[in-house]
């Protein structure tokens, strides 16, 4: 996402507002797939203060993924605050996050980094999800199976065989 920051670079205290959308599509993270069916909204402003560009705003969006325990569809969202400061005079731009070309500031890298950081490491359909039975595969949130879930210490396996 490129922002025209020409007026900000030339005038101390000037600000440029932005409101746009970014296609995130399908992201795969820690074994989960996050499908963003609609573009994420990116809003904010860039302001020049003492040779520093202050970038503030937010990224919001909705995704569908799968529960880590039972595999049911889970809807979730991102609501990320943007609060970055970049020194525009010394070209102290992080190439992973910002690319300054003339009067255009590309913040695509920053958006990607913030979205990836905000995705949950573990996703559950509900806090007390029981998951699937490891023997028969039934959903333990909806039914009770008759499988033997007794856990035996493998060090005592020889004693079980002698019965």
N, C-alpha and C. Protein backbone atom coordinates (compact mmCIF):
# COMPACT_ATOMS: atom_id res chain seq x y z
N UNK A 1 0.85 -1.17 0.00
CA UNK A 1 0.00 0.00 0.00
C UNK A 1 0.90 1.23 0.00
N UNK A 2 0.78 2.03 -1.02
CA UNK A 2 1.62 3.21 -1.16
C UNK A 2 0.86 4.47 -0.76
N UNK A 3 1.54 5.31 0.02
CA UNK A 3 0.97 6.57 0.47
C UNK A 3 1.77 7.72 -0.13
N UNK A 4 1.09 8.73 -0.65
CA UNK A 4 1.76 9.93 -1.16
C UNK A 4 1.99 10.86 0.03
N UNK A 5 3.25 10.97 0.44
CA UNK A 5 3.56 11.78 1.62
C UNK A 5 4.32 13.05 1.26
N UNK A 6 4.24 13.47 0.00
CA UNK A 6 4.91 14.70 -0.44
C UNK A 6 4.59 15.90 0.43
N UNK A 7 3.30 16.20 0.69
CA UNK A 7 2.97 17.37 1.52
C UNK A 7 3.52 17.25 2.95
N UNK A 8 3.66 16.04 3.44
CA UNK A 8 4.15 15.83 4.80
C UNK A 8 5.66 16.06 4.88
N UNK A 9 6.38 15.64 3.85
CA UNK A 9 7.83 15.77 3.85
C UNK A 9 8.27 17.23 3.79
N UNK A 10 7.48 18.08 3.15
CA UNK A 10 7.88 19.47 2.95
C UNK A 10 7.40 20.41 4.05
N UNK A 11 6.39 20.02 4.79
CA UNK A 11 5.78 20.93 5.78
C UNK A 11 5.76 20.30 7.16
N UNK A 12 6.51 20.90 8.06
CA UNK A 12 6.53 20.47 9.46
C UNK A 12 5.13 20.56 10.04
N UNK A 13 4.68 19.49 10.69
CA UNK A 13 3.36 19.46 11.31
C UNK A 13 2.23 19.07 10.38
N UNK A 14 2.53 18.92 9.10
CA UNK A 14 1.48 18.53 8.14
C UNK A 14 1.12 17.06 8.33
N UNK A 15 -0.08 16.71 7.91
CA UNK A 15 -0.54 15.33 8.04
C UNK A 15 -1.28 14.92 6.78
N UNK A 16 -1.20 13.64 6.47
CA UNK A 16 -1.93 13.04 5.35
C UNK A 16 -2.74 11.89 5.92
N UNK A 17 -4.05 11.93 5.69
CA UNK A 17 -4.94 10.87 6.15
C UNK A 17 -5.07 9.81 5.04
N UNK A 18 -5.29 8.55 5.45
CA UNK A 18 -5.52 7.50 4.47
C UNK A 18 -6.59 6.55 4.97
N UNK A 19 -7.33 5.99 4.03
CA UNK A 19 -8.39 5.03 4.31
C UNK A 19 -8.48 4.13 3.08
N UNK A 20 -8.05 2.89 3.24
CA UNK A 20 -7.98 1.99 2.09
C UNK A 20 -8.25 0.56 2.54
N UNK A 21 -8.25 -0.34 1.57
CA UNK A 21 -8.41 -1.76 1.88
C UNK A 21 -7.23 -2.53 1.30
N UNK A 22 -6.95 -3.68 1.93
CA UNK A 22 -5.85 -4.53 1.51
C UNK A 22 -6.36 -5.97 1.44
N UNK A 23 -6.13 -6.63 0.31
CA UNK A 23 -6.50 -8.04 0.16
C UNK A 23 -5.50 -8.91 0.92
N UNK A 24 -5.97 -9.67 1.90
CA UNK A 24 -5.10 -10.57 2.63
C UNK A 24 -5.24 -12.00 2.13
N UNK A 25 -6.43 -12.34 1.61
CA UNK A 25 -6.64 -13.67 1.04
C UNK A 25 -6.53 -14.78 2.06
N UNK A 26 -5.72 -15.78 1.75
CA UNK A 26 -5.54 -16.94 2.62
C UNK A 26 -4.13 -16.92 3.20
N UNK A 27 -4.06 -16.96 4.52
CA UNK A 27 -2.77 -17.00 5.21
C UNK A 27 -2.66 -18.31 5.96
N UNK A 28 -1.50 -18.94 5.90
CA UNK A 28 -1.25 -20.17 6.66
C UNK A 28 -0.22 -19.86 7.72
N UNK A 29 -0.59 -20.18 8.98
CA UNK A 29 0.24 -19.82 10.11
C UNK A 29 0.14 -20.89 11.19
N UNK A 30 1.25 -21.48 11.57
CA UNK A 30 1.32 -22.50 12.61
C UNK A 30 0.30 -23.62 12.41
N UNK A 31 0.17 -24.08 11.18
CA UNK A 31 -0.74 -25.19 10.88
C UNK A 31 -2.18 -24.79 10.67
N UNK A 32 -2.53 -23.54 10.89
CA UNK A 32 -3.89 -23.05 10.67
C UNK A 32 -3.96 -22.27 9.37
N UNK A 33 -5.13 -22.30 8.75
CA UNK A 33 -5.38 -21.51 7.56
C UNK A 33 -6.40 -20.44 7.92
N UNK A 34 -6.06 -19.19 7.65
CA UNK A 34 -6.94 -18.06 7.93
C UNK A 34 -7.41 -17.50 6.59
N UNK A 35 -8.72 -17.63 6.33
CA UNK A 35 -9.30 -17.13 5.09
C UNK A 35 -9.97 -15.79 5.35
N UNK A 36 -9.41 -14.75 4.74
CA UNK A 36 -10.00 -13.42 4.82
C UNK A 36 -10.89 -13.28 3.58
N UNK A 37 -12.20 -13.41 3.77
CA UNK A 37 -13.15 -13.37 2.65
C UNK A 37 -13.31 -11.97 2.08
N UNK A 38 -13.10 -10.96 2.92
CA UNK A 38 -13.21 -9.57 2.49
C UNK A 38 -11.89 -8.86 2.75
N UNK A 39 -11.61 -7.81 2.02
CA UNK A 39 -10.36 -7.07 2.26
C UNK A 39 -10.33 -6.46 3.66
N UNK A 40 -9.13 -6.36 4.23
CA UNK A 40 -8.96 -5.71 5.52
C UNK A 40 -8.93 -4.20 5.30
N UNK A 41 -9.46 -3.46 6.25
CA UNK A 41 -9.49 -2.00 6.14
C UNK A 41 -8.31 -1.41 6.89
N UNK A 42 -7.60 -0.50 6.22
CA UNK A 42 -6.44 0.17 6.80
C UNK A 42 -6.73 1.67 6.81
N UNK A 43 -6.74 2.25 8.00
CA UNK A 43 -7.00 3.69 8.13
C UNK A 43 -5.93 4.31 9.01
N UNK A 44 -5.74 5.61 8.84
CA UNK A 44 -4.80 6.31 9.71
C UNK A 44 -4.30 7.59 9.11
N UNK A 45 -3.13 8.02 9.62
CA UNK A 45 -2.53 9.23 9.10
C UNK A 45 -1.02 9.20 9.30
N UNK A 46 -0.35 9.95 8.44
CA UNK A 46 1.09 10.15 8.53
C UNK A 46 1.29 11.62 8.84
N UNK A 47 2.10 11.90 9.88
CA UNK A 47 2.32 13.28 10.30
C UNK A 47 3.82 13.52 10.44
N UNK A 48 4.26 14.71 10.06
CA UNK A 48 5.67 15.09 10.15
C UNK A 48 5.89 15.92 11.40
N UNK A 49 6.79 15.43 12.26
CA UNK A 49 7.12 16.15 13.49
C UNK A 49 8.64 16.07 13.69
N UNK A 50 9.32 17.19 13.56
CA UNK A 50 10.75 17.26 13.81
C UNK A 50 11.58 16.32 12.97
N UNK A 51 11.28 16.18 11.70
CA UNK A 51 12.04 15.29 10.83
C UNK A 51 11.68 13.83 10.96
N UNK A 52 10.67 13.55 11.77
CA UNK A 52 10.21 12.18 11.97
C UNK A 52 8.80 12.04 11.41
N UNK A 53 8.56 10.94 10.74
CA UNK A 53 7.22 10.63 10.26
C UNK A 53 6.53 9.76 11.30
N UNK A 54 5.41 10.21 11.79
CA UNK A 54 4.62 9.43 12.73
C UNK A 54 3.46 8.81 11.98
N UNK A 55 3.40 7.51 12.00
CA UNK A 55 2.36 6.76 11.31
C UNK A 55 1.46 6.15 12.38
N UNK A 56 0.17 6.53 12.36
CA UNK A 56 -0.78 5.97 13.33
C UNK A 56 -2.05 5.58 12.60
N UNK A 57 -2.73 4.60 13.15
CA UNK A 57 -3.97 4.14 12.53
C UNK A 57 -4.36 2.77 13.00
N UNK A 58 -5.09 2.05 12.14
CA UNK A 58 -5.55 0.71 12.51
C UNK A 58 -5.77 -0.16 11.28
N UNK A 59 -5.73 -1.46 11.53
CA UNK A 59 -6.03 -2.47 10.51
C UNK A 59 -7.12 -3.36 11.11
N UNK A 60 -8.24 -3.49 10.40
CA UNK A 60 -9.33 -4.34 10.88
C UNK A 60 -9.75 -5.30 9.77
N UNK A 61 -10.14 -6.50 10.17
CA UNK A 61 -10.59 -7.48 9.21
C UNK A 61 -11.18 -8.69 9.89
N UNK A 62 -11.86 -9.54 9.12
CA UNK A 62 -12.50 -10.76 9.63
C UNK A 62 -11.97 -11.96 8.87
N UNK A 63 -11.80 -13.07 9.58
CA UNK A 63 -11.32 -14.30 8.96
C UNK A 63 -12.14 -15.50 9.43
N UNK A 64 -12.01 -16.59 8.69
CA UNK A 64 -12.59 -17.88 9.07
C UNK A 64 -11.43 -18.87 9.13
N UNK A 65 -11.40 -19.66 10.20
CA UNK A 65 -10.36 -20.67 10.36
C UNK A 65 -11.00 -21.91 10.98
N UNK A 66 -10.19 -22.85 11.43
CA UNK A 66 -10.69 -24.09 12.02
C UNK A 66 -10.20 -24.22 13.46
N UNK A 67 -11.05 -24.77 14.31
CA UNK A 67 -10.71 -25.02 15.71
C UNK A 67 -9.55 -26.02 15.75
N UNK A 68 -8.58 -25.75 16.61
CA UNK A 68 -7.42 -26.64 16.73
C UNK A 68 -7.78 -27.99 17.34
N UNK A 69 -8.88 -28.08 18.07
CA UNK A 69 -9.23 -29.34 18.73
C UNK A 69 -10.25 -30.17 17.95
N UNK A 70 -11.30 -29.54 17.42
CA UNK A 70 -12.36 -30.32 16.79
C UNK A 70 -12.51 -30.06 15.29
N UNK A 71 -11.87 -29.04 14.77
CA UNK A 71 -11.91 -28.77 13.33
C UNK A 71 -13.10 -27.96 12.85
N UNK A 72 -14.00 -27.54 13.75
CA UNK A 72 -15.15 -26.73 13.35
C UNK A 72 -14.70 -25.36 12.88
N UNK A 73 -15.51 -24.75 12.01
CA UNK A 73 -15.21 -23.41 11.52
C UNK A 73 -15.32 -22.40 12.65
N UNK A 74 -14.35 -21.52 12.71
CA UNK A 74 -14.31 -20.48 13.73
C UNK A 74 -14.13 -19.13 13.03
N UNK A 75 -15.00 -18.17 13.36
CA UNK A 75 -14.85 -16.83 12.82
C UNK A 75 -14.11 -15.98 13.85
N UNK A 76 -13.23 -15.17 13.35
CA UNK A 76 -12.46 -14.29 14.22
C UNK A 76 -12.14 -13.00 13.50
N UNK A 77 -11.43 -12.16 14.18
CA UNK A 77 -11.08 -10.89 13.56
C UNK A 77 -9.77 -10.34 14.06
N UNK A 78 -9.28 -9.37 13.31
CA UNK A 78 -8.08 -8.65 13.72
C UNK A 78 -8.47 -7.19 13.91
N UNK A 79 -7.91 -6.58 14.90
CA UNK A 79 -8.07 -5.16 15.17
C UNK A 79 -6.73 -4.68 15.70
N UNK A 80 -5.91 -4.19 14.80
CA UNK A 80 -4.51 -3.90 15.10
C UNK A 80 -4.29 -2.39 15.11
N UNK A 81 -3.62 -1.92 16.13
CA UNK A 81 -3.25 -0.50 16.20
C UNK A 81 -1.91 -0.31 15.50
N UNK A 82 -1.82 0.73 14.70
CA UNK A 82 -0.56 1.09 14.05
C UNK A 82 -0.01 2.30 14.78
N UNK A 83 1.22 2.19 15.23
CA UNK A 83 1.89 3.30 15.91
C UNK A 83 3.38 3.19 15.64
N UNK A 84 3.83 3.84 14.57
CA UNK A 84 5.23 3.74 14.14
C UNK A 84 5.81 5.13 13.95
N UNK A 85 7.10 5.25 14.22
CA UNK A 85 7.82 6.49 13.98
C UNK A 85 9.02 6.16 13.11
N UNK A 86 9.22 6.95 12.06
CA UNK A 86 10.31 6.71 11.12
C UNK A 86 11.04 8.02 10.90
N UNK A 87 12.35 7.98 11.03
CA UNK A 87 13.14 9.18 10.80
C UNK A 87 13.31 9.37 9.31
N UNK A 88 12.71 10.41 8.76
CA UNK A 88 12.72 10.62 7.31
C UNK A 88 13.98 11.29 6.80
N UNK A 89 14.75 11.93 7.68
CA UNK A 89 15.93 12.65 7.21
C UNK A 89 17.15 11.75 7.08
N UNK A 90 17.30 10.78 7.96
CA UNK A 90 18.49 9.92 7.91
C UNK A 90 18.24 8.63 7.15
N UNK A 91 17.09 8.55 6.51
CA UNK A 91 16.71 7.35 5.77
C UNK A 91 16.81 6.11 6.64
N UNK A 92 16.33 6.24 7.86
CA UNK A 92 16.33 5.16 8.83
C UNK A 92 15.09 4.29 8.64
N UNK A 93 14.84 3.91 7.39
CA UNK A 93 13.67 3.11 7.06
C UNK A 93 14.03 1.64 7.13
N UNK A 94 13.23 0.87 7.79
CA UNK A 94 13.41 -0.58 7.83
C UNK A 94 12.91 -1.12 6.50
N UNK A 95 13.78 -1.70 5.67
CA UNK A 95 13.35 -2.17 4.35
C UNK A 95 12.31 -3.29 4.42
N UNK A 96 12.22 -3.96 5.56
CA UNK A 96 11.20 -5.00 5.73
C UNK A 96 9.81 -4.39 5.88
N UNK A 97 9.74 -3.17 6.40
CA UNK A 97 8.45 -2.54 6.70
C UNK A 97 8.12 -1.35 5.81
N UNK A 98 9.13 -0.56 5.50
CA UNK A 98 8.89 0.68 4.77
C UNK A 98 9.78 0.77 3.54
N UNK A 99 9.26 1.31 2.48
CA UNK A 99 10.04 1.63 1.29
C UNK A 99 9.67 3.05 0.88
N UNK A 100 10.66 3.95 0.94
CA UNK A 100 10.44 5.33 0.55
C UNK A 100 11.03 5.54 -0.83
N UNK A 101 10.19 5.92 -1.77
CA UNK A 101 10.62 6.18 -3.13
C UNK A 101 10.08 7.53 -3.54
N UNK A 102 10.94 8.55 -3.51
CA UNK A 102 10.49 9.90 -3.80
C UNK A 102 9.54 10.39 -2.72
N UNK A 103 8.31 10.63 -3.09
CA UNK A 103 7.30 11.08 -2.11
C UNK A 103 6.29 9.98 -1.80
N UNK A 104 6.59 8.75 -2.21
CA UNK A 104 5.69 7.62 -1.94
C UNK A 104 6.28 6.74 -0.85
N UNK A 105 5.48 6.47 0.16
CA UNK A 105 5.88 5.58 1.25
C UNK A 105 5.06 4.30 1.14
N UNK A 106 5.75 3.18 0.91
CA UNK A 106 5.08 1.89 0.79
C UNK A 106 5.08 1.22 2.16
N UNK A 107 3.88 0.99 2.73
CA UNK A 107 3.76 0.38 4.05
C UNK A 107 3.23 -1.05 3.98
N UNK A 108 3.33 -1.66 2.81
CA UNK A 108 2.85 -3.04 2.64
C UNK A 108 3.56 -4.00 3.59
N UNK A 109 4.86 -3.85 3.73
CA UNK A 109 5.63 -4.72 4.62
C UNK A 109 5.19 -4.57 6.07
N UNK A 110 4.93 -3.34 6.48
CA UNK A 110 4.46 -3.09 7.85
C UNK A 110 3.11 -3.75 8.07
N UNK A 111 2.20 -3.61 7.12
CA UNK A 111 0.87 -4.21 7.24
C UNK A 111 1.00 -5.72 7.36
N UNK A 112 1.80 -6.34 6.49
CA UNK A 112 2.00 -7.80 6.55
C UNK A 112 2.55 -8.22 7.90
N UNK A 113 3.57 -7.53 8.40
CA UNK A 113 4.17 -7.88 9.69
C UNK A 113 3.16 -7.80 10.82
N UNK A 114 2.40 -6.72 10.85
CA UNK A 114 1.42 -6.54 11.93
C UNK A 114 0.31 -7.59 11.87
N UNK A 115 -0.14 -7.93 10.66
CA UNK A 115 -1.19 -8.96 10.54
C UNK A 115 -0.66 -10.30 11.02
N UNK A 116 0.53 -10.69 10.57
CA UNK A 116 1.10 -11.98 10.98
C UNK A 116 1.27 -12.05 12.49
N UNK A 117 1.73 -10.95 13.11
CA UNK A 117 1.93 -10.93 14.56
C UNK A 117 0.62 -11.04 15.33
N UNK A 118 -0.48 -10.61 14.73
CA UNK A 118 -1.75 -10.59 15.45
C UNK A 118 -2.54 -11.90 15.36
N UNK A 119 -2.15 -12.80 14.46
CA UNK A 119 -2.89 -14.05 14.32
C UNK A 119 -2.70 -14.92 15.55
N UNK A 120 -3.76 -15.57 16.02
CA UNK A 120 -3.65 -16.38 17.24
C UNK A 120 -2.82 -17.64 17.01
N UNK A 121 -2.05 -18.01 18.04
CA UNK A 121 -1.24 -19.23 17.96
C UNK A 121 -2.11 -20.47 18.14
N UNK A 122 -3.17 -20.34 18.92
CA UNK A 122 -4.10 -21.43 19.14
C UNK A 122 -5.51 -20.89 18.99
N UNK A 123 -6.32 -21.62 18.27
CA UNK A 123 -7.67 -21.16 17.97
C UNK A 123 -8.67 -22.22 18.40
N UNK A 124 -9.63 -21.85 19.24
CA UNK A 124 -10.65 -22.78 19.72
C UNK A 124 -12.04 -22.26 19.38
N UNK A 125 -12.96 -23.20 19.10
CA UNK A 125 -14.34 -22.82 18.80
C UNK A 125 -15.05 -22.32 20.06
N UNK A 126 -14.63 -22.83 21.19
CA UNK A 126 -15.11 -22.36 22.48
C UNK A 126 -14.06 -22.71 23.53
N UNK A 127 -14.11 -22.03 24.64
CA UNK A 127 -13.07 -22.17 25.65
C UNK A 127 -12.93 -23.60 26.17
N UNK A 128 -14.04 -24.32 26.31
CA UNK A 128 -14.00 -25.67 26.86
C UNK A 128 -14.15 -26.75 25.80
N UNK A 129 -13.63 -26.52 24.61
CA UNK A 129 -13.74 -27.50 23.52
C UNK A 129 -13.06 -28.81 23.94
N UNK A 130 -13.78 -29.92 23.79
CA UNK A 130 -13.27 -31.24 24.18
C UNK A 130 -12.55 -31.94 23.04
N UNK A 131 -12.72 -31.44 21.83
CA UNK A 131 -12.02 -32.01 20.69
C UNK A 131 -12.66 -33.27 20.15
N UNK A 132 -11.85 -34.08 19.47
CA UNK A 132 -12.30 -35.32 18.86
C UNK A 132 -11.73 -36.51 19.63
N UNK A 133 -12.47 -37.60 19.64
CA UNK A 133 -11.99 -38.82 20.27
C UNK A 133 -10.80 -39.34 19.45
N UNK A 134 -9.74 -39.66 20.14
CA UNK A 134 -8.54 -40.13 19.44
C UNK A 134 -8.69 -41.56 18.94
N UNK A 135 -9.74 -42.25 19.35
CA UNK A 135 -9.95 -43.63 18.92
C UNK A 135 -10.98 -43.72 17.79
N UNK A 136 -12.20 -43.19 18.03
CA UNK A 136 -13.25 -43.33 17.03
C UNK A 136 -13.46 -42.06 16.20
N UNK A 137 -12.93 -40.92 16.64
CA UNK A 137 -13.03 -39.68 15.87
C UNK A 137 -14.30 -38.88 16.06
N UNK A 138 -15.18 -39.28 16.99
CA UNK A 138 -16.43 -38.53 17.18
C UNK A 138 -16.13 -37.19 17.87
N UNK A 139 -17.02 -36.23 17.67
CA UNK A 139 -16.88 -34.91 18.28
C UNK A 139 -17.36 -35.02 19.72
N UNK A 140 -16.44 -34.88 20.67
CA UNK A 140 -16.77 -35.04 22.08
C UNK A 140 -17.58 -33.88 22.64
N UNK A 141 -17.74 -32.80 21.88
CA UNK A 141 -18.60 -31.69 22.29
C UNK A 141 -20.07 -32.05 22.05
N UNK A 142 -20.33 -32.96 21.12
CA UNK A 142 -21.71 -33.29 20.74
C UNK A 142 -22.17 -34.66 21.22
N UNK A 143 -21.26 -35.56 21.47
CA UNK A 143 -21.63 -36.92 21.85
C UNK A 143 -20.60 -37.50 22.81
N UNK A 144 -21.00 -38.56 23.49
CA UNK A 144 -20.09 -39.28 24.38
C UNK A 144 -19.89 -40.66 23.78
N UNK A 145 -18.64 -41.03 23.59
CA UNK A 145 -18.37 -42.35 23.01
C UNK A 145 -18.03 -43.34 24.12
N UNK A 146 -17.99 -44.61 23.77
CA UNK A 146 -17.70 -45.66 24.74
C UNK A 146 -16.28 -46.20 24.61
N UNK A 147 -15.42 -45.43 24.00
CA UNK A 147 -14.04 -45.87 23.81
C UNK A 147 -13.30 -45.86 25.15
N UNK A 148 -12.34 -46.76 25.27
CA UNK A 148 -11.52 -46.85 26.48
C UNK A 148 -10.39 -45.83 26.37
N UNK A 149 -10.47 -44.78 27.20
CA UNK A 149 -9.48 -43.71 27.17
C UNK A 149 -8.50 -43.81 28.34
N UNK A 150 -8.44 -44.97 28.96
CA UNK A 150 -7.53 -45.15 30.08
C UNK A 150 -6.09 -45.04 29.57
N UNK A 151 -5.32 -44.23 30.27
CA UNK A 151 -3.92 -44.04 29.90
C UNK A 151 -3.07 -44.89 30.83
N UNK A 152 -2.29 -45.77 30.23
CA UNK A 152 -1.41 -46.64 31.00
C UNK A 152 0.03 -46.18 30.86
N UNK A 153 0.75 -46.29 31.94
CA UNK A 153 2.17 -45.96 31.92
C UNK A 153 2.89 -47.08 31.17
N UNK A 154 3.59 -46.78 30.07
CA UNK A 154 4.24 -47.82 29.28
C UNK A 154 5.32 -48.59 30.05
N UNK A 155 5.81 -48.02 31.14
CA UNK A 155 6.83 -48.73 31.93
C UNK A 155 6.24 -49.95 32.64
N UNK A 156 4.91 -49.96 32.81
CA UNK A 156 4.25 -51.08 33.48
C UNK A 156 3.54 -52.00 32.50
N UNK A 157 3.85 -51.92 31.22
CA UNK A 157 3.20 -52.74 30.20
C UNK A 157 3.42 -54.22 30.46
N UNK A 158 4.57 -54.60 30.95
CA UNK A 158 4.87 -56.01 31.20
C UNK A 158 3.92 -56.58 32.26
N UNK A 159 3.51 -55.76 33.23
CA UNK A 159 2.59 -56.23 34.26
C UNK A 159 1.19 -56.45 33.69
N UNK A 160 0.78 -55.65 32.74
CA UNK A 160 -0.54 -55.83 32.11
C UNK A 160 -0.58 -57.11 31.31
N UNK A 161 0.53 -57.47 30.70
CA UNK A 161 0.58 -58.68 29.88
C UNK A 161 0.51 -59.95 30.73
N UNK A 162 0.88 -59.88 32.01
CA UNK A 162 0.91 -61.05 32.88
C UNK A 162 -0.45 -61.37 33.47
N UNK A 163 -1.44 -60.54 33.24
CA UNK A 163 -2.77 -60.78 33.80
C UNK A 163 -3.45 -61.93 33.18
